[in-house]
């Protein structure tokens, strides 16, 4: 049985074989997890011969590594667009950044899973690291902009702050954005959870003098 939402292509040409295989892999990951399918199954779902994937991928792990790498590329682009160089204000842009983070986890659950799954991340670090660093750079730009209002002696290390922001965002995305909130009986949305967590964090650093400056919007 094909995964829900999959429309098997009637044909392919040499130029889009790789993209069709990546989409098939993402569908299989959503359905069965990163370890739950073979390269042959990805080929079958893509509507190509079992030998066709080897034109682009040496094995299933290489296919999954490309799912992660391409996911980080889109993730970094989405974060950068949301941050928008801190316009109109660093705080409002930072709020948009958080929303974009959660939106990616919701919209691309398969990519997000392989991007951050521990075993896969270590095995494919050579392929995914540059793209992952571009995403992290956006968080560092945001952290640096937020800290500019603090006296220089009171500013936290930007990289450490960025890691804190990433950890909080990843926790909200993993626990809530990708799950069933009704089953968990969570009374507020993932966006509100992340926004309130960041509010507490930034106030603790002294970046927000007034909670109303970054409180949840109606």
C-alpha atoms as a PDB file:
ATOM      1  CA  UNK A   1       0.000   0.000   0.000  1.00  0.00           C
ATOM      2  CA  UNK A   2       1.248   3.464  -0.844  1.00  0.00           C
ATOM      3  CA  UNK A   3       1.468   6.061   1.936  1.00  0.00           C
ATOM      4  CA  UNK A   4      -1.448   8.527   2.177  1.00  0.00           C
ATOM      5  CA  UNK A   5      -1.132  11.520  -0.112  1.00  0.00           C
ATOM      6  CA  UNK A   6       1.237   9.814  -2.537  1.00  0.00           C
ATOM      7  CA  UNK A   7       0.491   9.964  -6.231  1.00  0.00           C
ATOM      8  CA  UNK A   8       2.769   7.584  -8.079  1.00  0.00           C
ATOM      9  CA  UNK A   9       4.220   9.238 -11.178  1.00  0.00           C
ATOM     10  CA  UNK A  10       3.324   7.678 -14.501  1.00  0.00           C
ATOM     11  CA  UNK A  11       6.816   8.312 -15.796  1.00  0.00           C
ATOM     12  CA  UNK A  12       9.969  10.191 -15.034  1.00  0.00           C
ATOM     13  CA  UNK A  13      12.878  11.602 -16.964  1.00  0.00           C
ATOM     14  CA  UNK A  14      16.540  11.693 -16.103  1.00  0.00           C
ATOM     15  CA  UNK A  15      16.343  15.259 -14.812  1.00  0.00           C
ATOM     16  CA  UNK A  16      13.842  14.646 -12.023  1.00  0.00           C
ATOM     17  CA  UNK A  17      14.624  11.089 -10.898  1.00  0.00           C
ATOM     18  CA  UNK A  18      16.474  12.330  -7.824  1.00  0.00           C
ATOM     19  CA  UNK A  19      13.603  14.589  -6.734  1.00  0.00           C
ATOM     20  CA  UNK A  20      11.028  11.821  -7.219  1.00  0.00           C
ATOM     21  CA  UNK A  21      13.102   9.453  -5.083  1.00  0.00           C
ATOM     22  CA  UNK A  22      13.480  12.080  -2.364  1.00  0.00           C
ATOM     23  CA  UNK A  23       9.741  12.658  -2.268  1.00  0.00           C
ATOM     24  CA  UNK A  24       9.145   8.902  -2.102  1.00  0.00           C
ATOM     25  CA  UNK A  25      11.637   8.641   0.763  1.00  0.00           C
ATOM     26  CA  UNK A  26       9.903  11.427   2.677  1.00  0.00           C
ATOM     27  CA  UNK A  27       6.558   9.690   2.307  1.00  0.00           C
ATOM     28  CA  UNK A  28       8.013   6.384   3.493  1.00  0.00           C
ATOM     29  CA  UNK A  29       9.712   8.058   6.461  1.00  0.00           C
ATOM     30  CA  UNK A  30       6.409   9.647   7.487  1.00  0.00           C
ATOM     31  CA  UNK A  31       4.733   6.256   7.312  1.00  0.00           C
ATOM     32  CA  UNK A  32       7.394   3.874   8.629  1.00  0.00           C
ATOM     33  CA  UNK A  33      10.230   5.942  10.104  1.00  0.00           C
ATOM     34  CA  UNK A  34      13.781   6.352   8.783  1.00  0.00           C
ATOM     35  CA  UNK A  35      14.670   2.700   9.356  1.00  0.00           C
ATOM     36  CA  UNK A  36      11.401   1.242   8.124  1.00  0.00           C
ATOM     37  CA  UNK A  37      11.987   0.975   4.391  1.00  0.00           C
ATOM     38  CA  UNK A  38      14.572  -0.094   1.838  1.00  0.00           C
ATOM     39  CA  UNK A  39      15.983   1.587  -1.238  1.00  0.00           C
ATOM     40  CA  UNK A  40      14.052  -0.935  -3.312  1.00  0.00           C
ATOM     41  CA  UNK A  41      10.802   0.153  -1.659  1.00  0.00           C
ATOM     42  CA  UNK A  42      11.618   3.786  -2.391  1.00  0.00           C
ATOM     43  CA  UNK A  43      12.182   2.828  -6.028  1.00  0.00           C
ATOM     44  CA  UNK A  44       8.879   0.956  -6.177  1.00  0.00           C
ATOM     45  CA  UNK A  45       6.991   3.913  -4.719  1.00  0.00           C
ATOM     46  CA  UNK A  46       8.713   6.252  -7.168  1.00  0.00           C
ATOM     47  CA  UNK A  47       7.660   3.993 -10.028  1.00  0.00           C
ATOM     48  CA  UNK A  48      11.186   3.191 -11.205  1.00  0.00           C
ATOM     49  CA  UNK A  49      13.285   0.040 -11.450  1.00  0.00           C
ATOM     50  CA  UNK A  50      15.159  -1.235  -8.366  1.00  0.00           C
ATOM     51  CA  UNK A  51      18.435  -0.284 -10.064  1.00  0.00           C
ATOM     52  CA  UNK A  52      17.434   3.305 -10.874  1.00  0.00           C
ATOM     53  CA  UNK A  53      18.167   4.847  -7.417  1.00  0.00           C
ATOM     54  CA  UNK A  54      21.816   3.823  -7.687  1.00  0.00           C
ATOM     55  CA  UNK A  55      22.305   6.484 -10.321  1.00  0.00           C
ATOM     56  CA  UNK A  56      22.153   9.009  -7.473  1.00  0.00           C
ATOM     57  CA  UNK A  57      22.480   7.143  -4.172  1.00  0.00           C
ATOM     58  CA  UNK A  58      24.902   4.394  -3.169  1.00  0.00           C
ATOM     59  CA  UNK A  59      22.446   3.017  -0.577  1.00  0.00           C
ATOM     60  CA  UNK A  60      19.429   3.895   1.553  1.00  0.00           C
ATOM     61  CA  UNK A  61      21.571   5.819   4.061  1.00  0.00           C
ATOM     62  CA  UNK A  62      22.788   8.086   1.275  1.00  0.00           C
ATOM     63  CA  UNK A  63      19.183   8.738   0.251  1.00  0.00           C
ATOM     64  CA  UNK A  64      18.246   9.604   3.831  1.00  0.00           C
ATOM     65  CA  UNK A  65      21.306  11.833   4.145  1.00  0.00           C
ATOM     66  CA  UNK A  66      20.097  13.791   1.123  1.00  0.00           C
ATOM     67  CA  UNK A  67      16.619  14.083   2.646  1.00  0.00           C
ATOM     68  CA  UNK A  68      18.297  15.629   5.707  1.00  0.00           C
ATOM     69  CA  UNK A  69      20.625  17.892   3.723  1.00  0.00           C
ATOM     70  CA  UNK A  70      17.917  19.231   1.433  1.00  0.00           C
ATOM     71  CA  UNK A  71      15.660  19.626   4.475  1.00  0.00           C
ATOM     72  CA  UNK A  72      18.233  21.806   6.205  1.00  0.00           C
ATOM     73  CA  UNK A  73      18.544  23.915   3.047  1.00  0.00           C
ATOM     74  CA  UNK A  74      14.813  24.635   3.022  1.00  0.00           C
ATOM     75  CA  UNK A  75      14.800  25.056   6.810  1.00  0.00           C
ATOM     76  CA  UNK A  76      17.582  27.658   6.664  1.00  0.00           C
ATOM     77  CA  UNK A  77      15.824  29.516   3.844  1.00  0.00           C
ATOM     78  CA  UNK A  78      12.543  29.589   5.763  1.00  0.00           C
ATOM     79  CA  UNK A  79      14.214  30.836   8.941  1.00  0.00           C
ATOM     80  CA  UNK A  80      16.131  33.501   7.044  1.00  0.00           C
ATOM     81  CA  UNK A  81      12.971  34.716   5.340  1.00  0.00           C
ATOM     82  CA  UNK A  82      11.140  34.879   8.669  1.00  0.00           C
ATOM     83  CA  UNK A  83      13.983  36.729  10.384  1.00  0.00           C
ATOM     84  CA  UNK A  84      14.116  39.271   7.542  1.00  0.00           C
ATOM     85  CA  UNK A  85      17.223  40.960   8.975  1.00  0.00           C
ATOM     86  CA  UNK A  86      15.323  41.865  12.126  1.00  0.00           C
ATOM     87  CA  UNK A  87      12.697  43.965  10.320  1.00  0.00           C
ATOM     88  CA  UNK A  88      10.490  45.635  11.466  1.00  0.00           C
ATOM     89  CA  UNK A  89      11.979  45.094  14.963  1.00  0.00           C
ATOM     90  CA  UNK A  90      14.251  42.361  16.347  1.00  0.00           C
ATOM     91  CA  UNK A  91      11.531  41.237  18.763  1.00  0.00           C
ATOM     92  CA  UNK A  92       8.788  40.929  16.161  1.00  0.00           C
ATOM     93  CA  UNK A  93      11.187  39.263  13.717  1.00  0.00           C
ATOM     94  CA  UNK A  94      12.249  36.866  16.469  1.00  0.00           C
ATOM     95  CA  UNK A  95       8.609  35.932  17.020  1.00  0.00           C
ATOM     96  CA  UNK A  96       8.254  35.260  13.281  1.00  0.00           C
ATOM     97  CA  UNK A  97      11.390  33.117  13.451  1.00  0.00           C
ATOM     98  CA  UNK A  98       9.814  30.907  16.123  1.00  0.00           C
ATOM     99  CA  UNK A  99       6.646  30.507  14.095  1.00  0.00           C
ATOM    100  CA  UNK A 100       8.671  29.529  11.023  1.00  0.00           C
ATOM    101  CA  UNK A 101      10.593  26.941  13.043  1.00  0.00           C
ATOM    102  CA  UNK A 102       7.399  25.234  14.200  1.00  0.00           C
ATOM    103  CA  UNK A 103       5.780  25.538  10.784  1.00  0.00           C
ATOM    104  CA  UNK A 104       8.654  23.660   9.185  1.00  0.00           C
ATOM    105  CA  UNK A 105       8.381  20.841  11.737  1.00  0.00           C
ATOM    106  CA  UNK A 106       4.652  20.578  10.981  1.00  0.00           C
ATOM    107  CA  UNK A 107       4.934  20.894   7.207  1.00  0.00           C
ATOM    108  CA  UNK A 108       7.923  18.597   6.712  1.00  0.00           C
ATOM    109  CA  UNK A 109       7.801  15.972   9.476  1.00  0.00           C
ATOM    110  CA  UNK A 110       9.914  13.445   7.568  1.00  0.00           C
ATOM    111  CA  UNK A 111      12.690  15.912   6.813  1.00  0.00           C
ATOM    112  CA  UNK A 112      12.617  17.266  10.349  1.00  0.00           C
ATOM    113  CA  UNK A 113      12.878  13.757  11.800  1.00  0.00           C
ATOM    114  CA  UNK A 114      15.985  12.791   9.847  1.00  0.00           C
ATOM    115  CA  UNK A 115      17.560  16.223  10.291  1.00  0.00           C
ATOM    116  CA  UNK A 116      17.649  15.846  14.053  1.00  0.00           C
ATOM    117  CA  UNK A 117      17.583  12.127  14.779  1.00  0.00           C
ATOM    118  CA  UNK A 118      20.785  11.466  16.728  1.00  0.00           C
ATOM    119  CA  UNK A 119      22.066   8.369  14.937  1.00  0.00           C
ATOM    120  CA  UNK A 120      21.366   9.752  11.496  1.00  0.00           C
ATOM    121  CA  UNK A 121      22.851  13.137  12.293  1.00  0.00           C
ATOM    122  CA  UNK A 122      26.200  11.641  13.309  1.00  0.00           C
ATOM    123  CA  UNK A 123      26.277   9.252  10.346  1.00  0.00           C
ATOM    124  CA  UNK A 124      25.547  11.955   7.756  1.00  0.00           C
ATOM    125  CA  UNK A 125      27.262  14.967   9.342  1.00  0.00           C
ATOM    126  CA  UNK A 126      29.566  15.462   6.360  1.00  0.00           C
ATOM    127  CA  UNK A 127      26.635  15.919   3.994  1.00  0.00           C
ATOM    128  CA  UNK A 128      24.330  17.890   6.275  1.00  0.00           C
ATOM    129  CA  UNK A 129      26.704  20.040   8.351  1.00  0.00           C
ATOM    130  CA  UNK A 130      27.087  23.028   5.963  1.00  0.00           C
ATOM    131  CA  UNK A 131      23.312  23.334   5.526  1.00  0.00           C
ATOM    132  CA  UNK A 132      22.713  22.902   9.264  1.00  0.00           C
ATOM    133  CA  UNK A 133      25.248  25.621   9.986  1.00  0.00           C
ATOM    134  CA  UNK A 134      23.397  28.016   7.703  1.00  0.00           C
ATOM    135  CA  UNK A 135      20.241  27.455   9.737  1.00  0.00           C
ATOM    136  CA  UNK A 136      22.155  27.955  12.981  1.00  0.00           C
ATOM    137  CA  UNK A 137      23.673  31.164  11.610  1.00  0.00           C
ATOM    138  CA  UNK A 138      20.183  32.653  11.348  1.00  0.00           C
ATOM    139  CA  UNK A 139      19.624  31.949  15.051  1.00  0.00           C
ATOM    140  CA  UNK A 140      22.972  33.560  15.873  1.00  0.00           C
ATOM    141  CA  UNK A 141      22.040  36.690  13.909  1.00  0.00           C
ATOM    142  CA  UNK A 142      18.784  36.891  15.853  1.00  0.00           C
ATOM    143  CA  UNK A 143      20.523  36.370  19.200  1.00  0.00           C
ATOM    144  CA  UNK A 144      23.110  39.044  18.412  1.00  0.00           C
ATOM    145  CA  UNK A 145      20.421  41.549  17.411  1.00  0.00           C
ATOM    146  CA  UNK A 146      18.412  40.908  20.573  1.00  0.00           C
ATOM    147  CA  UNK A 147      21.484  41.362  22.777  1.00  0.00           C
ATOM    148  CA  UNK A 148      22.434  44.741  21.363  1.00  0.00           C
ATOM    149  CA  UNK A 149      20.124  46.502  23.798  1.00  0.00           C
ATOM    150  CA  UNK A 150      22.083  45.063  26.738  1.00  0.00           C
ATOM    151  CA  UNK A 151      25.254  46.674  28.108  1.00  0.00           C
ATOM    152  CA  UNK A 152      28.200  44.922  26.494  1.00  0.00           C
ATOM    153  CA  UNK A 153      29.411  43.514  29.812  1.00  0.00           C
ATOM    154  CA  UNK A 154      26.007  41.870  30.404  1.00  0.00           C
ATOM    155  CA  UNK A 155      25.615  40.203  27.017  1.00  0.00           C
ATOM    156  CA  UNK A 156      25.637  36.382  27.088  1.00  0.00           C
ATOM    157  CA  UNK A 157      27.864  34.470  24.659  1.00  0.00           C
ATOM    158  CA  UNK A 158      25.990  34.596  21.355  1.00  0.00           C
ATOM    159  CA  UNK A 159      26.703  30.994  20.388  1.00  0.00           C
ATOM    160  CA  UNK A 160      25.550  29.704  23.774  1.00  0.00           C
ATOM    161  CA  UNK A 161      22.394  31.804  23.613  1.00  0.00           C
ATOM    162  CA  UNK A 162      21.725  30.517  20.095  1.00  0.00           C
ATOM    163  CA  UNK A 163      22.071  26.935  21.328  1.00  0.00           C
ATOM    164  CA  UNK A 164      19.564  27.675  24.101  1.00  0.00           C
ATOM    165  CA  UNK A 165      17.120  29.113  21.575  1.00  0.00           C
ATOM    166  CA  UNK A 166      17.580  26.087  19.316  1.00  0.00           C
ATOM    167  CA  UNK A 167      17.064  23.663  22.210  1.00  0.00           C
ATOM    168  CA  UNK A 168      13.864  25.383  23.361  1.00  0.00           C
ATOM    169  CA  UNK A 169      12.506  25.557  19.808  1.00  0.00           C
ATOM    170  CA  UNK A 170      13.372  21.936  19.098  1.00  0.00           C
ATOM    171  CA  UNK A 171      11.698  20.819  22.319  1.00  0.00           C
ATOM    172  CA  UNK A 172       8.483  22.648  21.465  1.00  0.00           C
ATOM    173  CA  UNK A 173       8.538  21.311  17.897  1.00  0.00           C
ATOM    174  CA  UNK A 174       9.244  17.711  18.880  1.00  0.00           C
ATOM    175  CA  UNK A 175       6.859  17.498  21.822  1.00  0.00           C
ATOM    176  CA  UNK A 176       3.972  19.535  20.480  1.00  0.00           C
ATOM    177  CA  UNK A 177       4.175  20.768  16.876  1.00  0.00           C
ATOM    178  CA  UNK A 178       4.443  17.257  15.438  1.00  0.00           C
ATOM    179  CA  UNK A 179       2.104  15.560  17.906  1.00  0.00           C
ATOM    180  CA  UNK A 180      -1.604  15.350  18.681  1.00  0.00           C
ATOM    181  CA  UNK A 181      -2.373  18.160  21.102  1.00  0.00           C
ATOM    182  CA  UNK A 182      -5.814  16.768  21.859  1.00  0.00           C
ATOM    183  CA  UNK A 183      -4.338  13.434  22.900  1.00  0.00           C
ATOM    184  CA  UNK A 184      -1.817  15.236  25.088  1.00  0.00           C
ATOM    185  CA  UNK A 185      -4.525  17.536  26.493  1.00  0.00           C
ATOM    186  CA  UNK A 186      -2.366  20.603  25.961  1.00  0.00           C
ATOM    187  CA  UNK A 187      -4.507  23.726  26.525  1.00  0.00           C
ATOM    188  CA  UNK A 188      -2.519  26.102  24.262  1.00  0.00           C
ATOM    189  CA  UNK A 189      -0.998  25.944  20.801  1.00  0.00           C
ATOM    190  CA  UNK A 190       2.642  25.029  20.080  1.00  0.00           C
ATOM    191  CA  UNK A 191       3.255  28.608  18.952  1.00  0.00           C
ATOM    192  CA  UNK A 192       2.003  29.918  22.282  1.00  0.00           C
ATOM    193  CA  UNK A 193       4.100  27.379  24.171  1.00  0.00           C
ATOM    194  CA  UNK A 194       7.236  28.457  22.324  1.00  0.00           C
ATOM    195  CA  UNK A 195       6.438  32.158  22.603  1.00  0.00           C
ATOM    196  CA  UNK A 196       5.872  31.986  26.356  1.00  0.00           C
ATOM    197  CA  UNK A 197       9.041  29.918  26.862  1.00  0.00           C
ATOM    198  CA  UNK A 198      11.069  32.471  24.914  1.00  0.00           C
ATOM    199  CA  UNK A 199       9.434  35.268  26.869  1.00  0.00           C
ATOM    200  CA  UNK A 200      10.630  33.752  30.142  1.00  0.00           C
ATOM    201  CA  UNK A 201      14.104  33.145  28.694  1.00  0.00           C
ATOM    202  CA  UNK A 202      14.554  36.648  27.295  1.00  0.00           C
ATOM    203  CA  UNK A 203      13.232  38.278  30.457  1.00  0.00           C
ATOM    204  CA  UNK A 204      15.726  36.231  32.448  1.00  0.00           C
ATOM    205  CA  UNK A 205      18.515  37.692  30.330  1.00  0.00           C
ATOM    206  CA  UNK A 206      17.165  41.175  30.891  1.00  0.00           C
ATOM    207  CA  UNK A 207      16.342  41.662  27.229  1.00  0.00           C
ATOM    208  CA  UNK A 208      12.656  42.286  27.899  1.00  0.00           C
ATOM    209  CA  UNK A 209      11.857  44.901  30.483  1.00  0.00           C
ATOM    210  CA  UNK A 210       8.131  44.337  30.177  1.00  0.00           C
ATOM    211  CA  UNK A 211       6.385  41.055  29.456  1.00  0.00           C
ATOM    212  CA  UNK A 212       3.785  42.895  27.408  1.00  0.00           C
ATOM    213  CA  UNK A 213       6.431  43.720  24.803  1.00  0.00           C
ATOM    214  CA  UNK A 214       6.473  40.125  23.555  1.00  0.00           C
ATOM    215  CA  UNK A 215       3.318  38.622  24.961  1.00  0.00           C
ATOM    216  CA  UNK A 216       1.018  36.393  22.863  1.00  0.00           C
ATOM    217  CA  UNK A 217      -0.869  38.344  20.251  1.00  0.00           C
ATOM    218  CA  UNK A 218      -4.656  38.187  20.171  1.00  0.00           C
END
